[in-house]
C-alpha atoms as a PDB file:
ATOM      1  CA  MET A   1      21.761 -32.382   1.550  1.00  0.00           C
ATOM      2  CA  LYS A   2      22.975 -28.838   2.005  1.00  0.00           C
ATOM      3  CA  GLN A   3      25.116 -27.349  -0.714  1.00  0.00           C
ATOM      4  CA  VAL A   4      28.604 -26.411   0.448  1.00  0.00           C
ATOM      5  CA  VAL A   5      29.535 -23.088  -1.122  1.00  0.00           C
ATOM      6  CA  GLU A   6      32.718 -21.257  -1.823  1.00  0.00           C
ATOM      7  CA  SER A   7      32.531 -18.511   0.780  1.00  0.00           C
ATOM      8  CA  ASP A   8      35.321 -16.216  -0.382  1.00  0.00           C
ATOM      9  CA  GLY A   9      33.736 -13.081  -1.800  1.00  0.00           C
ATOM     10  CA  CYS A  10      30.110 -14.005  -1.015  1.00  0.00           C
ATOM     11  CA  ILE A  11      27.717 -11.063  -0.977  1.00  0.00           C
ATOM     12  CA  LEU A  12      24.323 -11.122   0.703  1.00  0.00           C
ATOM     13  CA  ALA A  13      21.940  -8.909  -1.295  1.00  0.00           C
ATOM     14  CA  VAL A  14      18.517  -7.603  -0.216  1.00  0.00           C
ATOM     15  CA  ASP A  15      15.904  -5.479  -2.007  1.00  0.00           C
ATOM     16  CA  THR A  16      12.603  -4.457  -0.374  1.00  0.00           C
ATOM     17  CA  ALA A  17      11.644  -1.491  -2.572  1.00  0.00           C
ATOM     18  CA  THR A  18       8.474  -3.190  -3.834  1.00  0.00           C
ATOM     19  CA  SER A  19       5.968  -5.670  -2.410  1.00  0.00           C
ATOM     20  CA  CYS A  20       8.488  -8.384  -3.280  1.00  0.00           C
ATOM     21  CA  SER A  21      11.129  -9.217  -0.659  1.00  0.00           C
ATOM     22  CA  THR A  22      14.113 -10.581  -2.561  1.00  0.00           C
ATOM     23  CA  VAL A  23      17.298 -11.958  -1.029  1.00  0.00           C
ATOM     24  CA  ALA A  24      20.277 -13.592  -2.736  1.00  0.00           C
ATOM     25  CA  LEU A  25      23.757 -14.898  -2.055  1.00  0.00           C
ATOM     26  CA  THR A  26      26.185 -14.303  -4.922  1.00  0.00           C
ATOM     27  CA  LEU A  27      29.821 -14.693  -5.896  1.00  0.00           C
ATOM     28  CA  GLY A  28      31.674 -12.362  -8.262  1.00  0.00           C
ATOM     29  CA  THR A  29      30.276 -10.021 -10.891  1.00  0.00           C
ATOM     30  CA  ARG A  30      27.893 -10.108 -13.834  1.00  0.00           C
ATOM     31  CA  ALA A  31      30.807 -10.963 -16.114  1.00  0.00           C
ATOM     32  CA  ASN A  32      32.250 -13.865 -14.153  1.00  0.00           C
ATOM     33  CA  GLY A  33      30.051 -14.571 -11.159  1.00  0.00           C
ATOM     34  CA  ARG A  34      27.287 -16.917 -10.148  1.00  0.00           C
ATOM     35  CA  VAL A  35      24.235 -17.048  -7.926  1.00  0.00           C
ATOM     36  CA  LEU A  36      24.560 -19.396  -4.959  1.00  0.00           C
ATOM     37  CA  GLY A  37      20.926 -19.075  -3.946  1.00  0.00           C
ATOM     38  CA  SER A  38      17.963 -16.712  -3.887  1.00  0.00           C
ATOM     39  CA  VAL A  39      14.588 -16.284  -2.207  1.00  0.00           C
ATOM     40  CA  SER A  40      11.785 -14.003  -3.420  1.00  0.00           C
ATOM     41  CA  LEU A  41       8.455 -13.572  -1.660  1.00  0.00           C
ATOM     42  CA  SER A  42       5.475 -11.473  -2.736  1.00  0.00           C
ATOM     43  CA  SER A  43       2.548 -11.254  -0.316  1.00  0.00           C
ATOM     44  CA  ASN A  44       0.614  -8.924   1.953  1.00  0.00           C
ATOM     45  CA  VAL A  45       2.912  -9.816   4.855  1.00  0.00           C
ATOM     46  CA  THR A  46       5.172  -6.912   5.775  1.00  0.00           C
ATOM     47  CA  HIS A  47       8.882  -7.026   4.951  1.00  0.00           C
ATOM     48  CA  SER A  48       9.763  -6.786   8.638  1.00  0.00           C
ATOM     49  CA  ARG A  49       7.967 -10.088   9.352  1.00  0.00           C
ATOM     50  CA  ARG A  50       9.519 -12.111   6.525  1.00  0.00           C
ATOM     51  CA  LEU A  51      12.921 -10.595   5.708  1.00  0.00           C
ATOM     52  CA  LEU A  52      15.102 -12.044   8.469  1.00  0.00           C
ATOM     53  CA  GLY A  53      13.406 -15.406   8.049  1.00  0.00           C
ATOM     54  CA  ALA A  54      14.169 -15.367   4.326  1.00  0.00           C
ATOM     55  CA  ILE A  55      17.820 -14.521   5.027  1.00  0.00           C
ATOM     56  CA  ASP A  56      18.148 -17.328   7.588  1.00  0.00           C
ATOM     57  CA  ARG A  57      16.514 -19.788   5.196  1.00  0.00           C
ATOM     58  CA  LEU A  58      18.834 -18.799   2.360  1.00  0.00           C
ATOM     59  CA  LEU A  59      21.971 -19.141   4.482  1.00  0.00           C
ATOM     60  CA  SER A  60      20.817 -22.471   5.860  1.00  0.00           C
ATOM     61  CA  GLU A  61      19.965 -23.974   2.466  1.00  0.00           C
ATOM     62  CA  SER A  62      23.182 -22.727   0.851  1.00  0.00           C
ATOM     63  CA  GLY A  63      25.394 -24.068   3.613  1.00  0.00           C
ATOM     64  CA  CYS A  64      26.808 -20.599   4.196  1.00  0.00           C
ATOM     65  CA  SER A  65      27.056 -18.871   7.560  1.00  0.00           C
ATOM     66  CA  LYS A  66      27.065 -15.152   8.272  1.00  0.00           C
ATOM     67  CA  ASN A  67      30.775 -15.463   9.005  1.00  0.00           C
ATOM     68  CA  ASP A  68      31.356 -16.451   5.364  1.00  0.00           C
ATOM     69  CA  ILE A  69      29.844 -13.247   3.962  1.00  0.00           C
ATOM     70  CA  SER A  70      32.369 -10.666   2.750  1.00  0.00           C
ATOM     71  CA  GLY A  71      29.889  -7.856   2.064  1.00  0.00           C
ATOM     72  CA  TYR A  72      26.250  -6.793   2.070  1.00  0.00           C
ATOM     73  CA  ALA A  73      24.229  -5.134  -0.706  1.00  0.00           C
ATOM     74  CA  VAL A  74      20.944  -3.264  -0.491  1.00  0.00           C
ATOM     75  CA  GLY A  75      18.522  -1.944  -3.086  1.00  0.00           C
ATOM     76  CA  LEU A  76      18.408   1.815  -2.576  1.00  0.00           C
ATOM     77  CA  GLY A  77      15.067   2.430  -4.245  1.00  0.00           C
ATOM     78  CA  PRO A  78      13.095   4.387  -5.164  1.00  0.00           C
ATOM     79  CA  GLY A  79      10.018   2.531  -4.066  1.00  0.00           C
ATOM     80  CA  SER A  80       7.917   1.930  -0.979  1.00  0.00           C
ATOM     81  CA  PHE A  81       9.079   4.259   1.792  1.00  0.00           C
ATOM     82  CA  THR A  82       8.369   1.690   4.497  1.00  0.00           C
ATOM     83  CA  GLY A  83       9.926  -1.158   2.553  1.00  0.00           C
ATOM     84  CA  LEU A  84      13.067   0.831   1.813  1.00  0.00           C
ATOM     85  CA  ARG A  85      13.519   1.778   5.446  1.00  0.00           C
ATOM     86  CA  ILE A  86      13.111  -1.815   6.616  1.00  0.00           C
ATOM     87  CA  GLY A  87      15.568  -3.124   4.037  1.00  0.00           C
ATOM     88  CA  MET A  88      18.135  -0.419   4.712  1.00  0.00           C
ATOM     89  CA  ALA A  89      17.926  -0.755   8.500  1.00  0.00           C
ATOM     90  CA  THR A  90      18.218  -4.545   8.306  1.00  0.00           C
ATOM     91  CA  VAL A  91      21.203  -4.635   5.961  1.00  0.00           C
ATOM     92  CA  LYS A  92      22.997  -1.777   7.715  1.00  0.00           C
ATOM     93  CA  GLY A  93      22.576  -3.621  10.989  1.00  0.00           C
ATOM     94  CA  LEU A  94      23.976  -6.849   9.558  1.00  0.00           C
ATOM     95  CA  ALA A  95      26.915  -5.089   7.900  1.00  0.00           C
ATOM     96  CA  ALA A  96      27.750  -3.073  11.015  1.00  0.00           C
ATOM     97  CA  ALA A  97      27.540  -6.086  13.328  1.00  0.00           C
ATOM     98  CA  ALA A  98      29.823  -8.099  11.049  1.00  0.00           C
ATOM     99  CA  ASP A  99      32.127  -5.146  10.307  1.00  0.00           C
ATOM    100  CA  LYS A 100      31.724  -5.809   6.584  1.00  0.00           C
ATOM    101  CA  PRO A 101      31.332  -3.361   3.665  1.00  0.00           C
ATOM    102  CA  LEU A 102      27.945  -2.137   2.478  1.00  0.00           C
ATOM    103  CA  TYR A 103      27.080  -1.628  -1.205  1.00  0.00           C
ATOM    104  CA  GLY A 104      24.032   0.130  -2.644  1.00  0.00           C
ATOM    105  CA  VAL A 105      22.366  -0.045  -6.057  1.00  0.00           C
ATOM    106  CA  SER A 106      19.261   1.730  -7.338  1.00  0.00           C
ATOM    107  CA  THR A 107      16.299  -0.614  -7.676  1.00  0.00           C
ATOM    108  CA  LEU A 108      15.722   0.749 -11.190  1.00  0.00           C
ATOM    109  CA  ASP A 109      19.305  -0.198 -12.103  1.00  0.00           C
ATOM    110  CA  ILE A 110      18.604  -3.689 -10.770  1.00  0.00           C
ATOM    111  CA  LEU A 111      15.553  -3.979 -13.036  1.00  0.00           C
ATOM    112  CA  ALA A 112      17.456  -2.784 -16.099  1.00  0.00           C
ATOM    113  CA  ALA A 113      20.320  -5.201 -15.431  1.00  0.00           C
ATOM    114  CA  ASN A 114      18.222  -8.143 -16.635  1.00  0.00           C
ATOM    115  CA  CYS A 115      17.505  -6.499 -20.000  1.00  0.00           C
ATOM    116  CA  HIS A 116      19.906  -6.800 -22.934  1.00  0.00           C
ATOM    117  CA  ASP A 117      18.414  -4.990 -25.900  1.00  0.00           C
ATOM    118  CA  PRO A 118      19.775  -2.677 -28.605  1.00  0.00           C
ATOM    119  CA  ARG A 119      16.858  -0.322 -28.045  1.00  0.00           C
ATOM    120  CA  GLN A 120      16.500   2.235 -25.311  1.00  0.00           C
ATOM    121  CA  ILE A 121      15.461   0.620 -22.010  1.00  0.00           C
ATOM    122  CA  CYS A 122      13.056   2.247 -19.568  1.00  0.00           C
ATOM    123  CA  ALA A 123      12.735   0.849 -16.039  1.00  0.00           C
ATOM    124  CA  VAL A 124       9.510   1.875 -14.285  1.00  0.00           C
ATOM    125  CA  LEU A 125       8.311   1.349 -10.718  1.00  0.00           C
ATOM    126  CA  ASP A 126       4.825   2.148  -9.461  1.00  0.00           C
ATOM    127  CA  ALA A 127       5.174   5.254  -7.268  1.00  0.00           C
ATOM    128  CA  ARG A 128       1.467   5.388  -6.295  1.00  0.00           C
ATOM    129  CA  LYS A 129      -0.414   8.697  -6.474  1.00  0.00           C
ATOM    130  CA  LYS A 130      -0.785   8.203 -10.255  1.00  0.00           C
ATOM    131  CA  GLU A 131       2.984   8.407 -10.839  1.00  0.00           C
ATOM    132  CA  VAL A 132       5.883   6.108 -11.666  1.00  0.00           C
ATOM    133  CA  TYR A 133       9.583   6.284 -10.941  1.00  0.00           C
ATOM    134  CA  ALA A 134      11.553   5.882 -14.155  1.00  0.00           C
ATOM    135  CA  ARG A 135      15.052   5.916 -15.599  1.00  0.00           C
ATOM    136  CA  PHE A 136      16.370   5.360 -19.120  1.00  0.00           C
ATOM    137  CA  TYR A 137      19.301   3.157 -20.162  1.00  0.00           C
ATOM    138  CA  ARG A 138      21.343   2.176 -23.197  1.00  0.00           C
ATOM    139  CA  MET A 139      23.597  -0.821 -23.674  1.00  0.00           C
ATOM    140  CA  LYS A 140      27.272  -0.181 -22.948  1.00  0.00           C
ATOM    141  CA  ASP A 141      29.621  -2.083 -25.251  1.00  0.00           C
ATOM    142  CA  ASN A 142      26.723  -4.451 -25.996  1.00  0.00           C
ATOM    143  CA  THR A 143      27.162  -6.013 -22.556  1.00  0.00           C
ATOM    144  CA  THR A 144      25.390  -4.125 -19.753  1.00  0.00           C
ATOM    145  CA  PRO A 145      22.722  -1.392 -19.549  1.00  0.00           C
ATOM    146  CA  GLU A 146      24.075   2.011 -18.530  1.00  0.00           C
ATOM    147  CA  ALA A 147      21.883   4.799 -17.145  1.00  0.00           C
ATOM    148  CA  VAL A 148      21.589   7.839 -19.417  1.00  0.00           C
ATOM    149  CA  THR A 149      19.134   9.890 -17.328  1.00  0.00           C
ATOM    150  CA  GLU A 150      18.565  10.721 -13.689  1.00  0.00           C
ATOM    151  CA  ILE A 151      15.823   8.972 -11.722  1.00  0.00           C
ATOM    152  CA  ALA A 152      12.583  10.957 -11.667  1.00  0.00           C
ATOM    153  CA  ALA A 153       8.885  10.657 -10.870  1.00  0.00           C
ATOM    154  CA  TYR A 154       6.580  10.974 -13.901  1.00  0.00           C
ATOM    155  CA  SER A 155       2.874  10.883 -14.502  1.00  0.00           C
ATOM    156  CA  PRO A 156       2.031   8.116 -16.996  1.00  0.00           C
ATOM    157  CA  GLU A 157       1.125  10.804 -19.537  1.00  0.00           C
ATOM    158  CA  THR A 158       4.408  12.688 -19.144  1.00  0.00           C
ATOM    159  CA  LEU A 159       6.463   9.513 -19.457  1.00  0.00           C
ATOM    160  CA  ALA A 160       4.621   8.658 -22.671  1.00  0.00           C
ATOM    161  CA  GLU A 161       5.486  12.103 -24.037  1.00  0.00           C
ATOM    162  CA  VAL A 162       9.232  11.692 -23.473  1.00  0.00           C
ATOM    163  CA  ILE A 163       9.426   8.267 -25.134  1.00  0.00           C
ATOM    164  CA  ASN A 164       9.988   9.073 -28.799  1.00  0.00           C
ATOM    165  CA  GLU A 165      12.047   6.110 -30.013  1.00  0.00           C
ATOM    166  CA  PRO A 166      11.831   2.298 -29.822  1.00  0.00           C
ATOM    167  CA  THR A 167      11.969   1.413 -26.135  1.00  0.00           C
ATOM    168  CA  LEU A 168      11.864  -1.734 -24.035  1.00  0.00           C
ATOM    169  CA  MET A 169       9.946  -1.189 -20.791  1.00  0.00           C
ATOM    170  CA  VAL A 170      10.436  -3.230 -17.609  1.00  0.00           C
ATOM    171  CA  GLY A 171       9.209  -2.964 -14.019  1.00  0.00           C
ATOM    172  CA  ASP A 172       6.077  -3.218 -11.895  1.00  0.00           C
ATOM    173  CA  GLY A 173       4.790   0.121 -13.196  1.00  0.00           C
ATOM    174  CA  LEU A 174       3.657  -1.977 -16.163  1.00  0.00           C
ATOM    175  CA  ALA A 175       1.215  -3.860 -13.960  1.00  0.00           C
ATOM    176  CA  VAL A 176      -0.702  -0.586 -13.580  1.00  0.00           C
ATOM    177  CA  TYR A 177      -0.075   1.378 -16.797  1.00  0.00           C
ATOM    178  CA  ARG A 178       0.864  -1.202 -19.448  1.00  0.00           C
ATOM    179  CA  ASP A 179      -2.382  -0.876 -21.389  1.00  0.00           C
ATOM    180  CA  PHE A 180      -2.272   2.928 -21.225  1.00  0.00           C
ATOM    181  CA  TRP A 181       1.268   3.087 -22.637  1.00  0.00           C
ATOM    182  CA  LEU A 182       0.500   0.543 -25.339  1.00  0.00           C
ATOM    183  CA  GLU A 183      -2.503   2.616 -26.403  1.00  0.00           C
ATOM    184  CA  LYS A 184      -0.483   5.850 -26.434  1.00  0.00           C
ATOM    185  CA  LEU A 185       2.766   4.533 -27.903  1.00  0.00           C
ATOM    186  CA  GLY A 186       1.784   1.432 -29.862  1.00  0.00           C
ATOM    187  CA  GLU A 187       4.712  -0.315 -31.543  1.00  0.00           C
ATOM    188  CA  THR A 188       7.170   2.283 -30.233  1.00  0.00           C
ATOM    189  CA  ILE A 189       7.413   0.268 -27.028  1.00  0.00           C
ATOM    190  CA  SER A 190       7.969  -3.388 -26.237  1.00  0.00           C
ATOM    191  CA  ILE A 191       7.096  -4.967 -22.903  1.00  0.00           C
ATOM    192  CA  ALA A 192       9.653  -7.115 -21.073  1.00  0.00           C
ATOM    193  CA  PRO A 193       8.412 -10.516 -19.846  1.00  0.00           C
ATOM    194  CA  SER A 194       6.443 -10.185 -16.609  1.00  0.00           C
ATOM    195  CA  GLN A 195       8.904 -12.356 -14.673  1.00  0.00           C
ATOM    196  CA  LEU A 196      11.397  -9.482 -15.017  1.00  0.00           C
ATOM    197  CA  TRP A 197       9.070  -6.839 -13.559  1.00  0.00           C
ATOM    198  CA  SER A 198      10.214  -7.395  -9.961  1.00  0.00           C
ATOM    199  CA  PRO A 199      13.734  -6.550  -8.751  1.00  0.00           C
ATOM    200  CA  SER A 200      16.169  -9.447  -8.504  1.00  0.00           C
ATOM    201  CA  ALA A 201      18.509  -9.666  -5.527  1.00  0.00           C
ATOM    202  CA  SER A 202      20.655 -11.949  -7.678  1.00  0.00           C
ATOM    203  CA  SER A 203      21.315  -9.075 -10.081  1.00  0.00           C
ATOM    204  CA  LEU A 204      21.856  -6.734  -7.131  1.00  0.00           C
ATOM    205  CA  GLY A 205      24.497  -9.030  -5.648  1.00  0.00           C
ATOM    206  CA  LEU A 206      26.420  -9.399  -8.912  1.00  0.00           C
ATOM    207  CA  ILE A 207      26.372  -5.632  -9.498  1.00  0.00           C
ATOM    208  CA  ALA A 208      27.622  -5.205  -5.924  1.00  0.00           C
ATOM    209  CA  GLY A 209      30.478  -7.521  -6.835  1.00  0.00           C
ATOM    210  CA  GLU A 210      31.514  -4.953  -9.440  1.00  0.00           C
ATOM    211  CA  LEU A 211      31.249  -2.156  -6.869  1.00  0.00           C
ATOM    212  CA  ALA A 212      33.471  -4.185  -4.548  1.00  0.00           C
ATOM    213  CA  GLU A 213      36.129  -4.452  -7.256  1.00  0.00           C
ATOM    214  CA  GLN A 214      35.904  -0.679  -7.791  1.00  0.00           C
ATOM    215  CA  GLY A 215      36.005   0.107  -4.072  1.00  0.00           C
ATOM    216  CA  GLN A 216      32.619   1.859  -4.159  1.00  0.00           C
ATOM    217  CA  VAL A 217      31.446   1.315  -0.605  1.00  0.00           C
ATOM    218  CA  LEU A 218      28.627   3.071   1.260  1.00  0.00           C
ATOM    219  CA  GLU A 219      29.314   4.678   4.613  1.00  0.00           C
ATOM    220  CA  ILE A 220      27.153   2.583   6.927  1.00  0.00           C
ATOM    221  CA  GLY A 221      26.376   5.388   9.344  1.00  0.00           C
ATOM    222  CA  SER A 222      25.148   7.841   6.710  1.00  0.00           C
ATOM    223  CA  ALA A 223      23.652   5.522   4.065  1.00  0.00           C
ATOM    224  CA  ILE A 224      19.994   6.303   3.299  1.00  0.00           C
ATOM    225  CA  PRO A 225      17.460   5.078   0.730  1.00  0.00           C
ATOM    226  CA  MET A 226      16.835   6.901  -2.548  1.00  0.00           C
ATOM    227  CA  TYR A 227      13.374   8.376  -1.958  1.00  0.00           C
ATOM    228  CA  VAL A 228      13.164  10.776  -4.988  1.00  0.00           C
ATOM    229  CA  ARG A 229      10.068  12.505  -3.608  1.00  0.00           C
ATOM    230  CA  ALA A 230       8.844  13.410  -0.129  1.00  0.00           C
ATOM    231  CA  SER A 231       6.848  10.904   1.915  1.00  0.00           C
ATOM    232  CA  ASP A 232       3.248  11.527   3.010  1.00  0.00           C
ATOM    233  CA  ALA A 233       4.460  12.252   6.546  1.00  0.00           C
ATOM    234  CA  GLU A 234       6.912  14.863   5.271  1.00  0.00           C
ATOM    235  CA  LEU A 235       4.275  16.458   3.059  1.00  0.00           C
ATOM    236  CA  ASN A 236       1.799  16.604   5.957  1.00  0.00           C
ATOM    237  CA  LEU A 237       4.454  18.221   8.152  1.00  0.00           C
ATOM    238  CA  GLN A 238       5.147  20.821   5.472  1.00  0.00           C
ATOM    239  CA  MET A 239       1.432  21.585   5.214  1.00  0.00           C
ATOM    240  CA  LYS A 240       1.163  22.011   8.999  1.00  0.00           C
ATOM    241  CA  LYS A 241       4.139  24.383   9.021  1.00  0.00           C
ATOM    242  CA  LYS A 242       2.555  26.464   6.271  1.00  0.00           C
ATOM    243  CA  GLY A 243      -0.709  26.546   8.212  1.00  0.00           C
ATOM    244  CA  THR A 244       0.973  27.985  11.297  1.00  0.00           C
ATOM    245  CA  LYS A 245       2.562  30.879   9.421  1.00  0.00           C
END
């Protein structure tokens, strides 16, 4: 039997910054909300082939229609350039077609949202090319992590150099560099459970609920992902321009 949901205030949240496509339907905020349903898929299948199917499945199983959704949320990245573009284009299209607000949250902020720790928190995503995207957080009023640095790309060695106090690390960058950081930093760092290493659309949706209360809406026409560094295509174009000078 399908679950009949309270539709007032429902947010459909999507993050495709990593190899994991994650979609959720939420009500309210982290303080007073709940998750109506979520779907997460990690495979070699591209986001474009599975994303709309995952959304349709979630809506069908929750008993919610697109007409019940009051807003859409998207993970802004950083992360996979292709994945980010697919996620952004999909959610922008849905929001525009429904004439509903669009909310955006950094994928690193989504990762940190599931960590509640008195120590410094470091969210890390594999950026390829022997780098990670990272951002540092501290607990605000002992309730939610708050960013204390800008998002940046680091080599594993450079990130190890800037961590000089007890730190909880979370994110899929650990799948690649966990052993390296443990060797370099030892007991200075702790590793979050591996089930928290992938972004959660459930967390994204509840954070978007807070943005909705604050009136922090993205302009659909101009909203773009958070790339942090140039893509390979952009770098190749820059090299070609230099070669013609």
